[in-house]
Amino acid sequence: MKRMNVDGLFGFALPSIFFTFLLWCAPLHATTENEAESTLVDVLDAPAKHNKTSVNTLQLGLARAGNKLVSVGERGVILLSEDEGNNWTQAKSVPVSVTLTAVTFSDPLNGWAAGHSGVIIATTDGGNTWQVQLDGYQAAELAMAEAESLIAAGDERGERAKRNAGYLIKEGADKPILDVYFANQFNGWAIGAYGLAYATRDGGENWYSIIARLPNPAGKHLYKVVHSANELIILGEQAAVFTSADNGDTFAKLDTPYYGSFFDGLLLDDGTRLLYGLRGNVWRQHQGKGRWKRVKLGSEVTLTSGLTTTSGQVLLADQSGQLFVSQDAAKNFTLMGQAPFGGITDIIQANHGFAVSTARGAHVVSEDNLVSGGSR
């Protein structure tokens, strides 16, 4: 099938404003090395501040922790809701003030969040207090350890991995982790900009690099981990899609007909793969085999998140706040309406509608507060 390249000139992805923000890190352009070091020390060592306006700050990721909802965002702000998203309060203790991009929980108590400066933090009390598990300096050293292990084993990937790890060490903790996901209390993965990829088998007590396991020599940005009982998929920019059938031990490139960026995806119960992202592109592969088909939404707004509801519907959200729903396993979608809170960065199901993270905090969306029409 002919591959479509619709991202722009020279084949480079043109990320949306939202994802440009995700990749932005002030230390990358600091005037001096000392300035960069000072800035990083500040955000890595300074706890998130408590303030009355925290509930209105930019939020980027959502997760459910039992009967509690947890949202993460800029300046290390973590918000908690015990009434299905109607009211939010700030977490008691967060040890960093970097922007947090993603959050995941394996059960009501154990959760992880990740973000800029290579940070991964963890909680064992449902999100009230957090501790650092990894930062960008340690992540760079883990990449070097992986490279040296490959060289010792005579693996031809070792020298390239060592060069890349050297750059990570030299540049410091300036790379954001863009997603973290745990399948259970022990097995987790974290991915990010410039091909960062890490895994753990003990709940994050020990992380290790899997950068070289991905056939991603150009170091394309990685945005999302999608997981089911049978498959692990990592999604990224410029058709960087990698699949694993052995829980992340090995990965293969998954060919798609679209050469743009995928920001999220779903693995449906029947094995159908659904990938979506830049400029409203949605691609579907029935039961994980055969020909990919494009699902047309009638919109070119970048899609940021989605979910399968408890009733079997498939819901997609975009950066303008539009919500699209499918009743037929993602073969066709209709526009539900537009959220009144602006662009949606993440969405999860709540008891009475859906909780969404936005540039203005976390909110609840339902049929009662959706606006008709939408952006095209």
Protein backbone atom coordinates (compact mmCIF):
# COMPACT_ATOMS: atom_id res chain seq x y z
CA MET A 1 0.00 0.00 0.00
CA LYS A 2 1.30 3.47 -0.83
CA ARG A 3 2.51 5.36 2.21
CA MET A 4 1.01 8.78 2.79
CA ASN A 5 3.26 11.64 3.89
CA VAL A 6 1.14 14.59 4.88
CA ASP A 7 3.23 16.13 7.65
CA GLY A 8 4.90 18.84 5.60
CA LEU A 9 8.02 19.77 3.70
CA PHE A 10 11.08 17.52 3.64
CA GLY A 11 9.21 14.68 5.40
CA PHE A 12 9.58 16.19 8.86
CA ALA A 13 6.66 16.00 11.27
CA LEU A 14 5.00 19.30 12.08
CA PRO A 15 3.88 18.80 15.68
CA SER A 16 0.86 20.60 17.06
CA ILE A 17 1.23 23.40 19.56
CA PHE A 18 0.35 20.97 22.34
CA PHE A 19 3.06 18.47 21.49
CA THR A 20 5.55 21.24 20.82
CA PHE A 21 4.97 22.26 24.42
CA LEU A 22 5.53 18.70 25.62
CA LEU A 23 8.96 18.67 24.00
CA TRP A 24 9.94 22.14 25.17
CA CYS A 25 12.61 22.27 27.88
CA ALA A 26 14.10 25.60 28.92
CA PRO A 27 17.58 24.19 29.74
CA LEU A 28 18.09 23.21 26.09
CA HIS A 29 18.75 26.86 25.24
CA ALA A 30 20.34 28.16 28.42
CA THR A 31 23.01 30.80 27.90
CA THR A 32 25.77 28.86 29.66
CA GLU A 33 26.39 25.36 30.94
CA ASN A 34 26.28 26.72 34.50
CA GLU A 35 22.90 28.29 33.86
CA ALA A 36 21.58 25.00 32.49
CA GLU A 37 22.93 23.09 35.48
CA SER A 38 21.41 25.59 37.92
CA THR A 39 18.01 25.47 36.21
CA LEU A 40 17.93 21.68 36.27
CA VAL A 41 18.93 21.50 39.91
CA ASP A 42 16.10 23.88 40.75
CA VAL A 43 13.34 21.87 39.10
CA LEU A 44 14.69 18.45 40.05
CA ASP A 45 15.27 19.32 43.69
CA ALA A 46 12.50 21.84 44.35
CA PRO A 47 9.16 20.34 45.42
CA ALA A 48 5.99 21.40 43.64
CA LYS A 49 4.53 24.50 45.26
CA HIS A 50 1.04 24.60 46.70
CA ASN A 51 -1.17 27.46 45.62
CA LYS A 52 -4.84 28.29 45.24
CA THR A 53 -4.68 28.43 41.44
CA SER A 54 -3.15 24.96 41.00
CA VAL A 55 -6.53 23.52 39.96
CA ASN A 56 -6.47 25.82 36.92
CA THR A 57 -2.98 24.96 35.67
CA LEU A 58 -2.15 23.05 32.49
CA GLN A 59 -2.84 19.34 33.00
CA LEU A 60 -1.46 16.69 30.63
CA GLY A 61 -2.26 13.21 31.95
CA LEU A 62 -5.03 11.37 33.82
CA ALA A 63 -5.39 8.03 35.55
CA ARG A 64 -7.78 6.25 37.88
CA ALA A 65 -6.57 5.03 41.27
CA GLY A 66 -9.50 3.00 42.56
CA ASN A 67 -12.22 5.49 43.53
CA LYS A 68 -9.83 8.40 43.06
CA LEU A 69 -8.88 10.30 39.87
CA VAL A 70 -5.34 11.63 39.48
CA SER A 71 -4.22 14.38 37.07
CA VAL A 72 -0.66 15.63 36.41
CA GLY A 73 0.66 18.77 34.74
CA GLU A 74 3.03 21.70 34.69
CA ARG A 75 5.36 22.66 37.55
CA GLY A 76 4.88 19.27 39.19
CA VAL A 77 1.25 19.96 40.03
CA ILE A 78 -0.68 16.76 40.76
CA LEU A 79 -4.42 17.01 41.35
CA LEU A 80 -6.64 14.46 43.09
CA SER A 81 -10.41 14.01 42.93
CA GLU A 82 -12.45 11.75 45.21
CA ASP A 83 -15.82 12.65 43.64
CA GLU A 84 -15.30 11.51 40.03
CA GLY A 85 -13.76 14.76 38.84
CA ASN A 86 -16.18 17.36 40.16
CA ASN A 87 -13.69 18.77 42.68
CA TRP A 88 -9.91 18.63 42.70
CA THR A 89 -7.26 19.20 45.38
CA GLN A 90 -3.48 19.31 45.12
CA ALA A 91 -1.42 16.30 46.20
CA LYS A 92 0.23 16.67 49.59
CA SER A 93 3.84 16.14 48.52
CA VAL A 94 5.53 16.06 45.08
CA PRO A 95 9.37 16.18 45.20
CA VAL A 96 9.95 17.88 41.81
CA SER A 97 8.59 20.94 40.02
CA VAL A 98 9.17 19.79 36.44
CA THR A 99 6.26 19.52 34.04
CA LEU A 100 4.67 16.09 34.38
CA THR A 101 3.33 14.63 31.15
CA ALA A 102 1.79 11.26 32.03
CA VAL A 103 0.50 9.18 34.94
CA THR A 104 -0.46 5.52 35.41
CA PHE A 105 -1.75 3.35 38.28
CA SER A 106 -1.59 -0.42 38.61
CA ASP A 107 -4.03 -0.49 41.54
CA PRO A 108 -5.63 2.03 43.94
CA LEU A 109 -2.37 2.68 45.81
CA ASN A 110 0.58 2.18 43.43
CA GLY A 111 1.15 4.75 40.71
CA TRP A 112 3.85 6.43 38.63
CA ALA A 113 4.14 9.80 36.88
CA ALA A 114 6.77 10.97 34.40
CA GLY A 115 7.84 14.21 32.81
CA HIS A 116 10.56 16.63 31.84
CA SER A 117 14.20 16.25 32.84
CA GLY A 118 13.81 12.47 32.52
CA VAL A 119 11.83 12.27 35.75
CA ILE A 120 9.81 9.30 36.99
CA ILE A 121 8.14 9.59 40.40
CA ALA A 122 6.13 6.97 42.26
CA THR A 123 3.43 6.81 44.92
CA THR A 124 2.30 3.99 47.21
CA ASP A 125 -0.59 5.84 48.86
CA GLY A 126 -2.89 6.61 45.95
CA GLY A 127 -1.21 9.84 44.86
CA ASN A 128 -1.01 11.81 48.11
CA THR A 129 2.78 11.63 48.39
CA TRP A 130 5.43 10.86 45.77
CA GLN A 131 9.11 9.86 45.61
CA VAL A 132 11.66 10.13 42.78
CA GLN A 133 12.59 6.84 41.08
CA LEU A 134 14.57 8.17 38.11
CA ASP A 135 15.90 11.43 36.68
CA GLY A 136 17.56 12.36 33.42
CA TYR A 137 21.11 11.98 34.72
CA GLN A 138 20.42 8.42 35.84
CA ALA A 139 18.53 7.71 32.61
CA ALA A 140 21.60 8.70 30.58
CA GLU A 141 23.81 6.38 32.65
CA LEU A 142 21.33 3.53 32.08
CA ALA A 143 21.58 4.11 28.33
CA MET A 144 25.37 3.85 28.57
CA ALA A 145 25.08 0.64 30.61
CA GLU A 146 22.89 -0.85 27.89
CA ALA A 147 25.42 0.13 25.22
CA GLU A 148 28.35 -1.36 27.11
CA SER A 149 26.42 -4.58 27.63
CA LEU A 150 25.78 -4.81 23.89
CA ILE A 151 29.45 -4.20 23.10
CA ALA A 152 30.53 -6.86 25.59
CA ALA A 153 28.16 -9.32 23.87
CA GLY A 154 29.57 -8.46 20.44
CA ASP A 155 26.30 -6.91 19.32
CA GLU A 156 26.72 -4.60 16.32
CA ARG A 157 24.22 -2.15 17.84
CA GLY A 158 26.59 -1.41 20.69
CA GLU A 159 28.82 1.26 19.16
CA ARG A 160 25.89 3.35 17.91
CA ALA A 161 24.18 2.98 21.28
CA LYS A 162 27.37 4.10 23.03
CA ARG A 163 27.67 7.23 20.88
CA ASN A 164 24.05 8.14 21.55
CA ALA A 165 24.39 7.47 25.27
CA GLY A 166 27.45 9.71 25.30
CA TYR A 167 25.35 12.56 23.93
CA LEU A 168 22.73 11.98 26.64
CA ILE A 169 25.37 12.14 29.36
CA LYS A 170 26.99 15.26 27.88
CA GLU A 171 23.71 17.12 27.43
CA GLY A 172 22.44 16.35 30.93
CA ALA A 173 18.90 15.89 32.19
CA ASP A 174 17.17 17.89 29.47
CA LYS A 175 15.06 15.20 27.74
CA PRO A 176 11.39 14.74 28.63
CA ILE A 177 9.72 11.42 29.23
CA LEU A 178 6.36 11.65 27.47
CA ASP A 179 4.58 8.51 28.66
CA VAL A 180 4.76 5.95 31.44
CA TYR A 181 2.63 2.82 31.65
CA PHE A 182 2.44 -0.11 34.08
CA ALA A 183 0.68 -3.34 33.20
CA ASN A 184 0.72 -4.36 36.88
CA GLN A 185 2.54 -3.46 40.05
CA PHE A 186 5.86 -4.71 38.67
CA ASN A 187 6.08 -4.39 34.85
CA GLY A 188 6.31 -0.90 33.41
CA TRP A 189 7.67 1.13 30.49
CA ALA A 190 8.60 4.77 30.03
CA ILE A 191 9.33 6.48 26.69
CA GLY A 192 10.11 9.96 25.49
CA ALA A 193 11.84 12.43 23.25
CA TYR A 194 14.76 11.43 21.01
CA GLY A 195 13.95 7.75 21.33
CA LEU A 196 14.22 7.43 25.11
CA ALA A 197 12.86 4.06 26.25
CA TYR A 198 13.11 2.33 29.62
CA ALA A 199 11.54 -0.63 31.38
CA THR A 200 11.29 -2.13 34.86
CA ARG A 201 10.30 -5.54 36.23
CA ASP A 202 10.23 -4.61 39.92
CA GLY A 203 7.88 -1.65 40.17
CA GLY A 204 10.53 0.90 39.31
CA GLU A 205 13.05 0.04 42.02
CA ASN A 206 15.38 -0.69 39.10
CA TRP A 207 14.86 0.81 35.64
CA TYR A 208 16.93 -0.23 32.62
CA SER A 209 17.31 1.13 29.11
CA ILE A 210 15.65 -0.56 26.13
CA ILE A 211 16.58 2.19 23.66
CA ALA A 212 18.64 -0.18 21.51
CA ARG A 213 15.84 -2.76 21.38
CA LEU A 214 13.71 -0.45 19.25
CA PRO A 215 14.51 -0.26 15.51
CA ASN A 216 14.63 3.53 15.82
CA PRO A 217 18.12 4.56 14.61
CA ALA A 218 17.03 8.15 13.93
CA GLY A 219 15.95 8.60 17.53
CA LYS A 220 12.42 9.69 16.66
CA HIS A 221 10.29 11.00 19.51
CA LEU A 222 8.15 8.36 21.22
CA TYR A 223 4.76 9.47 22.53
CA LYS A 224 2.64 6.60 23.79
CA VAL A 225 2.73 3.05 25.19
CA VAL A 226 -0.32 0.93 24.27
CA HIS A 227 -0.71 -2.48 25.86
CA SER A 228 -3.01 -5.50 25.82
CA ALA A 229 -2.71 -9.08 27.01
CA ASN A 230 -1.13 -10.06 23.68
CA GLU A 231 0.75 -7.02 22.45
CA LEU A 232 2.81 -3.99 23.45
CA ILE A 233 2.96 -1.09 20.99
CA ILE A 234 5.06 2.08 21.20
CA LEU A 235 3.89 5.01 19.06
CA GLY A 236 5.92 7.99 17.88
CA GLU A 237 6.60 10.60 15.25
CA GLN A 238 6.92 10.07 11.50
CA ALA A 239 5.41 6.56 11.51
CA ALA A 240 7.61 5.34 14.34
CA VAL A 241 5.43 2.43 15.47
CA PHE A 242 7.00 -0.58 17.18
CA THR A 243 5.31 -3.78 18.33
CA SER A 244 6.30 -6.51 20.77
CA ALA A 245 4.67 -9.90 21.31
CA ASP A 246 6.98 -10.89 24.18
CA ASN A 247 6.25 -8.18 26.75
CA GLY A 248 8.95 -5.86 25.50
CA ASP A 249 11.88 -8.25 25.23
CA THR A 250 12.07 -7.64 21.46
CA PHE A 251 10.44 -5.14 19.11
CA ALA A 252 9.71 -5.01 15.38
CA LYS A 253 8.76 -2.06 13.19
CA LEU A 254 5.04 -2.02 12.47
CA ASP A 255 4.41 -0.73 8.95
CA THR A 256 1.50 1.63 8.45
CA PRO A 257 0.36 3.45 5.31
CA TYR A 258 0.57 6.84 7.03
CA TYR A 259 3.94 8.55 7.41
CA GLY A 260 2.81 11.02 10.04
CA SER A 261 2.90 11.07 13.83
CA PHE A 262 0.72 8.91 16.04
CA PHE A 263 0.08 10.36 19.50
CA ASP A 264 -2.16 7.61 20.90
CA GLY A 265 -3.79 4.29 20.08
CA LEU A 266 -6.14 1.58 21.28
CA LEU A 267 -6.03 -2.21 21.11
CA LEU A 268 -9.63 -3.35 21.00
CA ASP A 269 -10.89 -6.57 22.57
CA ASP A 270 -10.92 -8.43 19.24
CA GLY A 271 -7.29 -7.48 18.55
CA THR A 272 -8.10 -4.59 16.22
CA ARG A 273 -5.41 -1.91 16.22
CA LEU A 274 -6.52 1.73 16.19
CA LEU A 275 -3.84 4.41 15.79
CA TYR A 276 -4.49 8.15 15.65
CA GLY A 277 -2.74 11.49 15.88
CA LEU A 278 -1.64 14.36 13.69
CA ARG A 279 -4.24 16.24 11.64
CA GLY A 280 -7.14 14.00 12.57
CA ASN A 281 -5.61 10.85 11.11
CA VAL A 282 -7.20 7.61 12.33
CA TRP A 283 -6.02 4.26 10.99
CA ARG A 284 -7.60 0.88 11.73
CA GLN A 285 -6.32 -2.66 11.21
CA HIS A 286 -8.92 -5.36 11.80
CA GLN A 287 -7.80 -7.94 14.37
CA GLY A 288 -4.20 -6.83 13.98
CA LYS A 289 -3.70 -8.21 10.48
CA GLY A 290 -4.35 -7.38 6.86
CA ARG A 291 -4.86 -4.01 5.24
CA TRP A 292 -4.91 -0.77 7.19
CA LYS A 293 -7.93 1.42 6.51
CA ARG A 294 -8.25 5.12 7.16
CA VAL A 295 -11.25 6.11 9.28
CA LYS A 296 -12.47 9.56 8.25
CA LEU A 297 -13.64 11.93 10.98
CA GLY A 298 -14.35 14.97 8.82
CA SER A 299 -11.83 16.91 10.93
CA GLU A 300 -8.14 17.73 10.58
CA VAL A 301 -7.57 18.65 14.21
CA THR A 302 -4.85 16.65 15.95
CA LEU A 303 -6.16 13.80 18.10
CA THR A 304 -4.61 13.55 21.54
CA SER A 305 -6.32 10.71 23.42
CA GLY A 306 -9.03 8.07 23.40
CA LEU A 307 -10.63 5.21 25.28
CA THR A 308 -13.00 2.28 25.06
CA THR A 309 -15.97 2.84 27.35
CA THR A 310 -17.48 0.24 29.68
CA SER A 311 -20.42 -0.01 27.26
CA GLY A 312 -18.13 -0.80 24.31
CA GLN A 313 -18.07 2.58 22.60
CA VAL A 314 -14.81 4.00 21.28
CA LEU A 315 -14.21 7.66 22.08
CA LEU A 316 -11.56 9.98 20.60
CA ALA A 317 -10.65 13.48 21.77
CA ASP A 318 -8.69 16.23 20.02
CA GLN A 319 -6.75 19.37 20.87
CA SER A 320 -9.73 21.64 20.16
CA GLY A 321 -11.91 19.77 22.66
CA GLN A 322 -13.94 17.80 20.12
CA LEU A 323 -15.19 14.34 21.07
CA PHE A 324 -15.93 11.65 18.48
CA VAL A 325 -17.78 8.43 19.29
CA SER A 326 -18.03 5.07 17.50
CA GLN A 327 -20.68 2.44 18.12
CA ASP A 328 -19.20 -0.13 15.69
CA ALA A 329 -15.70 -0.95 16.97
CA ALA A 330 -14.10 2.17 15.44
CA LYS A 331 -15.29 1.60 11.87
CA ASN A 332 -17.22 4.88 11.85
CA PHE A 333 -17.29 7.92 14.14
CA THR A 334 -19.72 10.76 14.72
CA LEU A 335 -19.08 14.07 16.44
CA MET A 336 -20.54 14.12 19.96
CA GLY A 337 -19.76 17.78 20.50
CA GLN A 338 -17.06 20.03 21.86
CA ALA A 339 -15.94 20.40 25.46
CA PRO A 340 -16.33 23.94 26.85
CA PHE A 341 -12.92 23.83 28.54
CA GLY A 342 -10.70 24.05 25.45
CA GLY A 343 -8.29 21.46 24.12
CA ILE A 344 -8.25 18.00 25.67
CA THR A 345 -4.87 16.46 26.51
CA ASP A 346 -6.15 13.22 28.09
CA ILE A 347 -9.47 11.54 28.86
CA ILE A 348 -10.69 8.75 31.15
CA GLN A 349 -14.15 7.48 32.02
CA ALA A 350 -15.91 8.81 35.13
CA ASN A 351 -19.17 7.71 36.73
CA HIS A 352 -21.19 10.45 35.06
CA GLY A 353 -19.37 11.22 31.83
CA PHE A 354 -15.64 11.62 31.27
CA ALA A 355 -12.83 13.33 33.13
CA VAL A 356 -10.55 15.40 30.88
CA SER A 357 -7.26 17.17 31.42
CA THR A 358 -6.94 20.53 29.68
CA ALA A 359 -4.89 23.74 29.61
CA ARG A 360 -7.20 25.02 32.34
CA GLY A 361 -7.15 22.16 34.79
CA ALA A 362 -9.10 18.90 34.96
CA HIS A 363 -12.88 18.79 34.41
CA VAL A 364 -15.83 16.52 33.78
CA VAL A 365 -17.41 16.33 30.34
CA SER A 366 -20.90 14.97 29.82
CA GLU A 367 -23.64 15.26 27.23
CA ASP A 368 -25.10 18.09 29.32
CA ASN A 369 -22.14 20.45 28.91
CA LEU A 370 -20.95 19.60 25.39
CA VAL A 371 -21.21 22.39 22.85
CA SER A 372 -22.71 21.57 19.46
CA GLY A 373 -20.75 22.14 16.29
CA GLY A 374 -16.98 21.81 16.42
CA SER A 375 -13.71 22.72 14.74
CA ARG A 376 -12.88 21.52 11.26
